[in-house]
Amino acid sequence: MSNISGLTTAQIAALTTEQIQSLSTADMVALTTEQTQALTTVQVVALLTNQVQALSTANVAALTTTQIAALETRDIAALRSTQVAALGTAAVAALTTTQIGALGTGSIAVLNTASIAALTTTQVQELTTAQVQALGTAQIAALTTAQIVALETRDVAVLRSTQITALDTADIAVLTTAQVGAISTANIAALRTTAVAALTTAQVESLTTAQVAALSTAGVAALTTAQVAALETRDVAVLRTSQVAALTTSGVAALTTAQVGALSTAGVAALTTA
């Protein structure tokens, strides 16, 4: 049975790094939250991985932001999912970019939405593609527009269709043209009509021909007149007849003469049904 809980916080803080490392996992389990908070950053750095893993969720939750930042990346990587879930928003925001990168995909997946929203844009930029893919739809929906913009194009490229559809219209509207260009054709096809309508004209102009060809007929029907006019002629040329037929009356009227000239003969014929 561990007697470590009998030590005062002052005594805990006075322990040398060698003494800290001599503590058993049972001792670590027995620490009170007050004792845990009394650990100095030097002592936290000295903790062995198995000692960190032995901390109760209550003690992990009690760690100060300074203590969190002092944890070695190997210790962060070894945290149990229940321990990661116990981290508060301030603690998550205090993680260094190296520590963020060390979190396993399982750990990323258990972060609550408040913690996700608390991530700094620098932390978001450091997320690996595997970590981004591990985010749940609720976590994706919790991202702020600033965080969305901070996503690397490589991360946008690997988003699952359920993640793309979890983005709200404000998130879609702030995507950079580079990010829009990175969206897979499968995800373009999966875009909700409200998301398509939220695209800026600059974003529409940046769409590749493959992306335009992938738009669902419902998505094409959702295009505003300004968006229709923003389509490049090369994109108009690849429109499927079903897409042309899906254009609204106002959408057809918005086509420029150059765009009409770019339509395939089948596309022109489809205009009669639009």
Protein backbone atom coordinates (compact mmCIF):
# COMPACT_ATOMS: atom_id res chain seq x y z
CA MET A 1 0.00 0.00 0.00
CA SER A 2 1.39 3.41 -0.97
CA ASN A 3 1.93 6.06 1.71
CA ILE A 4 2.73 8.79 -0.80
CA SER A 5 -0.56 10.54 -0.12
CA GLY A 6 0.74 11.38 3.36
CA LEU A 7 3.34 13.78 1.97
CA THR A 8 2.50 17.48 1.95
CA THR A 9 2.57 19.44 -1.29
CA ALA A 10 5.78 21.13 -0.11
CA GLN A 11 7.39 17.75 0.44
CA ILE A 12 6.31 16.58 -2.99
CA ALA A 13 7.78 19.68 -4.62
CA ALA A 14 11.06 19.07 -2.74
CA LEU A 15 11.62 15.58 -4.15
CA THR A 16 14.62 15.25 -6.44
CA THR A 17 14.22 13.98 -9.99
CA GLU A 18 15.85 10.71 -8.91
CA GLN A 19 13.31 10.35 -6.12
CA ILE A 20 10.48 11.18 -8.51
CA GLN A 21 11.60 8.48 -10.91
CA SER A 22 11.77 5.96 -8.06
CA LEU A 23 8.03 6.30 -7.41
CA SER A 24 6.08 3.19 -8.34
CA THR A 25 2.98 3.24 -10.53
CA ALA A 26 1.01 2.51 -7.36
CA ASP A 27 2.47 5.70 -5.87
CA MET A 28 1.43 7.65 -8.95
CA VAL A 29 -2.10 6.30 -8.71
CA ALA A 30 -2.23 7.30 -5.03
CA LEU A 31 -1.22 10.93 -5.62
CA THR A 32 -3.91 13.46 -4.77
CA THR A 33 -4.79 16.21 -7.25
CA GLU A 34 -3.15 18.74 -4.92
CA GLN A 35 0.07 16.73 -4.87
CA THR A 36 0.00 16.38 -8.65
CA GLN A 37 -0.35 20.12 -9.08
CA ALA A 38 2.60 20.59 -6.71
CA LEU A 39 4.98 18.83 -9.09
CA THR A 40 7.51 21.24 -10.55
CA THR A 41 8.13 21.37 -14.32
CA VAL A 42 11.56 19.81 -13.71
CA GLN A 43 9.86 16.92 -11.93
CA VAL A 44 7.27 16.57 -14.69
CA VAL A 45 10.01 16.38 -17.32
CA ALA A 46 11.68 13.64 -15.26
CA LEU A 47 8.56 11.47 -15.08
CA LEU A 48 8.87 8.09 -16.76
CA THR A 49 6.32 7.12 -19.37
CA ASN A 50 4.81 4.37 -17.23
CA GLN A 51 4.44 6.87 -14.38
CA VAL A 52 2.52 9.28 -16.62
CA GLN A 53 0.32 6.45 -17.84
CA ALA A 54 -0.46 5.56 -14.20
CA LEU A 55 -1.92 9.00 -13.42
CA SER A 56 -5.62 8.92 -12.74
CA THR A 57 -7.94 10.89 -15.01
CA ALA A 58 -8.61 13.24 -12.09
CA ASN A 59 -4.90 13.95 -11.76
CA VAL A 60 -4.49 14.44 -15.51
CA ALA A 61 -7.37 16.91 -15.40
CA ALA A 62 -5.65 18.69 -12.50
CA LEU A 63 -2.38 19.27 -14.38
CA THR A 64 -1.66 22.93 -14.98
CA THR A 65 -0.98 24.26 -18.48
CA THR A 66 2.68 24.71 -17.50
CA GLN A 67 2.90 21.08 -16.42
CA ILE A 68 1.18 19.91 -19.61
CA ALA A 69 3.65 21.81 -21.76
CA ALA A 70 6.51 20.19 -19.82
CA LEU A 71 5.47 16.62 -20.61
CA GLU A 72 7.83 14.81 -22.96
CA THR A 73 6.40 13.93 -26.38
CA ARG A 74 6.94 10.24 -25.61
CA ASP A 75 4.68 10.64 -22.59
CA ILE A 76 2.03 12.45 -24.63
CA ALA A 77 2.12 9.67 -27.20
CA ALA A 78 1.62 7.08 -24.46
CA LEU A 79 -1.39 8.74 -22.82
CA ARG A 80 -4.44 6.54 -22.56
CA SER A 81 -7.53 7.76 -24.40
CA THR A 82 -9.32 8.25 -21.07
CA GLN A 83 -6.47 10.48 -19.93
CA VAL A 84 -6.61 12.58 -23.10
CA ALA A 85 -10.37 12.90 -22.74
CA ALA A 86 -9.80 14.26 -19.23
CA LEU A 87 -7.70 17.18 -20.46
CA GLY A 88 -9.42 20.55 -20.17
CA THR A 89 -9.64 23.06 -23.01
CA ALA A 90 -6.85 25.19 -21.52
CA ALA A 91 -4.61 22.12 -21.25
CA VAL A 92 -5.25 21.14 -24.87
CA ALA A 93 -4.54 24.69 -26.04
CA ALA A 94 -1.27 24.59 -24.07
CA LEU A 95 0.08 21.58 -25.95
CA THR A 96 3.08 22.38 -28.09
CA THR A 97 2.92 21.61 -31.80
CA THR A 98 5.33 18.71 -31.21
CA GLN A 99 3.06 17.35 -28.50
CA ILE A 100 0.02 17.70 -30.78
CA GLY A 101 1.81 15.71 -33.44
CA ALA A 102 2.55 12.98 -30.89
CA LEU A 103 -1.10 12.34 -30.06
CA GLY A 104 -2.38 9.10 -31.49
CA THR A 105 -5.43 9.03 -33.74
CA GLY A 106 -7.37 7.34 -30.96
CA SER A 107 -6.50 10.22 -28.65
CA ILE A 108 -7.53 12.81 -31.23
CA ALA A 109 -10.87 11.08 -31.66
CA VAL A 110 -11.75 11.37 -27.95
CA LEU A 111 -11.13 15.10 -27.59
CA ASN A 112 -14.40 16.83 -26.79
CA THR A 113 -15.75 19.49 -29.12
CA ALA A 114 -14.80 22.30 -26.72
CA SER A 115 -11.18 21.12 -26.76
CA ILE A 116 -11.21 20.91 -30.55
CA ALA A 117 -12.51 24.48 -30.77
CA ALA A 118 -9.76 25.54 -28.34
CA LEU A 119 -6.94 24.39 -30.62
CA THR A 120 -4.84 27.25 -31.89
CA THR A 121 -4.46 27.70 -35.65
CA THR A 122 -0.78 26.76 -35.28
CA GLN A 123 -1.79 23.48 -33.63
CA VAL A 124 -4.32 22.79 -36.39
CA GLN A 125 -1.62 23.33 -39.01
CA GLU A 126 0.52 20.70 -37.29
CA LEU A 127 -2.14 17.99 -37.35
CA THR A 128 -1.15 15.04 -39.48
CA THR A 129 -3.44 13.78 -42.23
CA ALA A 130 -4.13 10.67 -40.12
CA GLN A 131 -5.14 12.87 -37.18
CA VAL A 132 -7.45 14.97 -39.36
CA GLN A 133 -9.07 11.84 -40.76
CA ALA A 134 -9.64 10.62 -37.19
CA LEU A 135 -11.81 13.62 -36.32
CA GLY A 136 -15.47 12.81 -35.87
CA THR A 137 -18.23 14.77 -37.58
CA ALA A 138 -19.09 16.58 -34.34
CA GLN A 139 -15.43 17.58 -33.97
CA ILE A 140 -15.31 18.82 -37.58
CA ALA A 141 -18.47 20.83 -36.98
CA ALA A 142 -16.83 22.36 -33.88
CA LEU A 143 -13.91 23.80 -35.86
CA THR A 144 -13.95 27.57 -36.13
CA THR A 145 -13.60 29.30 -39.49
CA ALA A 146 -10.05 30.36 -38.52
CA GLN A 147 -9.19 26.71 -37.84
CA ILE A 148 -10.71 25.65 -41.15
CA VAL A 149 -8.49 28.09 -43.02
CA ALA A 150 -5.50 26.74 -41.09
CA LEU A 151 -5.97 23.20 -42.41
CA GLU A 152 -3.25 22.17 -44.82
CA THR A 153 -4.38 21.31 -48.35
CA ARG A 154 -3.08 17.76 -47.82
CA ASP A 155 -5.50 17.45 -44.91
CA VAL A 156 -8.45 18.79 -46.90
CA ALA A 157 -7.62 16.27 -49.62
CA VAL A 158 -8.06 13.30 -47.25
CA LEU A 159 -11.29 14.41 -45.58
CA ARG A 160 -13.99 11.77 -45.59
CA SER A 161 -17.34 12.63 -47.24
CA THR A 162 -19.03 12.61 -43.82
CA GLN A 163 -16.49 15.16 -42.63
CA ILE A 164 -17.06 17.41 -45.64
CA THR A 165 -20.81 17.34 -45.14
CA ALA A 166 -20.28 18.24 -41.47
CA LEU A 167 -18.86 21.63 -42.50
CA ASP A 168 -21.39 24.43 -42.31
CA THR A 169 -21.84 27.11 -44.97
CA ALA A 170 -19.59 29.58 -43.11
CA ASP A 171 -16.79 26.98 -43.12
CA ILE A 172 -17.23 26.31 -46.83
CA ALA A 173 -17.16 30.03 -47.66
CA VAL A 174 -13.78 30.59 -45.94
CA LEU A 175 -11.93 27.77 -47.66
CA THR A 176 -9.01 29.11 -49.65
CA THR A 177 -8.97 28.43 -53.37
CA ALA A 178 -6.06 26.05 -52.77
CA GLN A 179 -8.15 24.15 -50.23
CA VAL A 180 -11.13 24.02 -52.58
CA GLY A 181 -8.87 22.64 -55.28
CA ALA A 182 -7.77 19.90 -52.89
CA ILE A 183 -11.29 18.58 -52.28
CA SER A 184 -11.69 15.17 -53.88
CA THR A 185 -14.26 14.69 -56.63
CA ALA A 186 -16.11 12.22 -54.38
CA ASN A 187 -16.44 14.92 -51.74
CA ILE A 188 -17.49 17.52 -54.31
CA ALA A 189 -20.29 15.17 -55.31
CA ALA A 190 -21.26 14.78 -51.66
CA LEU A 191 -21.54 18.53 -50.98
CA ARG A 192 -24.90 19.59 -49.67
CA THR A 193 -26.78 22.08 -51.88
CA THR A 194 -26.43 24.75 -49.19
CA ALA A 195 -22.67 24.20 -49.23
CA VAL A 196 -22.54 24.56 -53.03
CA ALA A 197 -24.56 27.76 -52.84
CA ALA A 198 -22.13 29.07 -50.19
CA LEU A 199 -19.11 28.88 -52.51
CA THR A 200 -17.72 32.28 -53.43
CA THR A 201 -17.26 33.16 -57.10
CA ALA A 202 -13.49 32.98 -56.56
CA GLN A 203 -13.88 29.44 -55.24
CA VAL A 204 -16.08 28.49 -58.19
CA GLU A 205 -13.49 29.87 -60.59
CA SER A 206 -10.83 27.72 -58.89
CA LEU A 207 -12.74 24.46 -59.35
CA THR A 208 -11.02 21.98 -61.62
CA THR A 209 -12.86 20.50 -64.59
CA ALA A 210 -12.95 17.16 -62.75
CA GLN A 211 -14.57 18.82 -59.75
CA VAL A 212 -17.18 20.60 -61.89
CA ALA A 213 -17.97 17.35 -63.65
CA ALA A 214 -18.43 15.71 -60.24
CA LEU A 215 -21.08 18.17 -59.04
CA SER A 216 -24.42 16.49 -58.44
CA THR A 217 -27.40 17.72 -60.44
CA ALA A 218 -28.85 19.06 -57.19
CA GLY A 219 -25.60 20.91 -56.65
CA VAL A 220 -25.73 22.43 -60.13
CA ALA A 221 -29.33 23.47 -59.55
CA ALA A 222 -28.21 25.23 -56.37
CA LEU A 223 -25.68 27.43 -58.19
CA THR A 224 -26.49 31.12 -58.04
CA THR A 225 -26.40 33.24 -61.18
CA ALA A 226 -23.10 34.78 -60.02
CA GLN A 227 -21.63 31.30 -59.55
CA VAL A 228 -22.82 30.15 -62.98
CA ALA A 229 -21.21 33.20 -64.58
CA ALA A 230 -17.98 32.41 -62.69
CA LEU A 231 -17.58 28.97 -64.27
CA GLU A 232 -14.61 28.77 -66.59
CA THR A 233 -15.44 27.89 -70.22
CA ARG A 234 -13.33 24.75 -69.88
CA ASP A 235 -15.60 23.70 -67.02
CA VAL A 236 -18.77 24.45 -68.96
CA ALA A 237 -17.42 22.27 -71.76
CA VAL A 238 -17.34 19.19 -69.48
CA LEU A 239 -20.82 19.59 -68.03
CA ARG A 240 -22.89 16.46 -68.40
CA THR A 241 -26.26 16.82 -70.12
CA SER A 242 -27.98 16.05 -66.81
CA GLN A 243 -26.04 18.91 -65.21
CA VAL A 244 -26.97 21.34 -67.99
CA ALA A 245 -30.60 20.29 -67.69
CA ALA A 246 -30.39 20.92 -63.93
CA LEU A 247 -29.55 24.61 -64.41
CA THR A 248 -32.34 26.90 -63.29
CA THR A 249 -33.92 29.35 -65.72
CA SER A 250 -31.97 32.19 -64.11
CA GLY A 251 -28.82 30.04 -64.27
CA VAL A 252 -29.23 29.53 -68.01
CA ALA A 253 -29.82 33.26 -68.47
CA ALA A 254 -26.59 33.96 -66.58
CA LEU A 255 -24.44 32.00 -69.03
CA THR A 256 -22.12 34.26 -70.99
CA THR A 257 -21.88 33.95 -74.75
CA ALA A 258 -18.43 32.39 -74.29
CA GLN A 259 -19.87 29.81 -71.93
CA VAL A 260 -22.72 28.98 -74.31
CA GLY A 261 -20.17 28.58 -77.08
CA ALA A 262 -18.26 26.12 -74.91
CA LEU A 263 -21.24 23.82 -74.42
CA SER A 264 -21.17 20.50 -76.20
CA THR A 265 -23.85 19.89 -78.80
CA ALA A 266 -25.54 17.52 -76.35
CA GLY A 267 -25.29 20.28 -73.74
CA VAL A 268 -26.99 22.78 -76.02
CA ALA A 269 -29.75 20.26 -76.68
CA ALA A 270 -30.12 19.77 -72.91
CA LEU A 271 -30.76 23.50 -72.48
CA THR A 272 -34.23 23.00 -73.88
CA THR A 273 -35.07 20.88 -70.85
CA ALA A 274 -33.37 23.23 -68.37
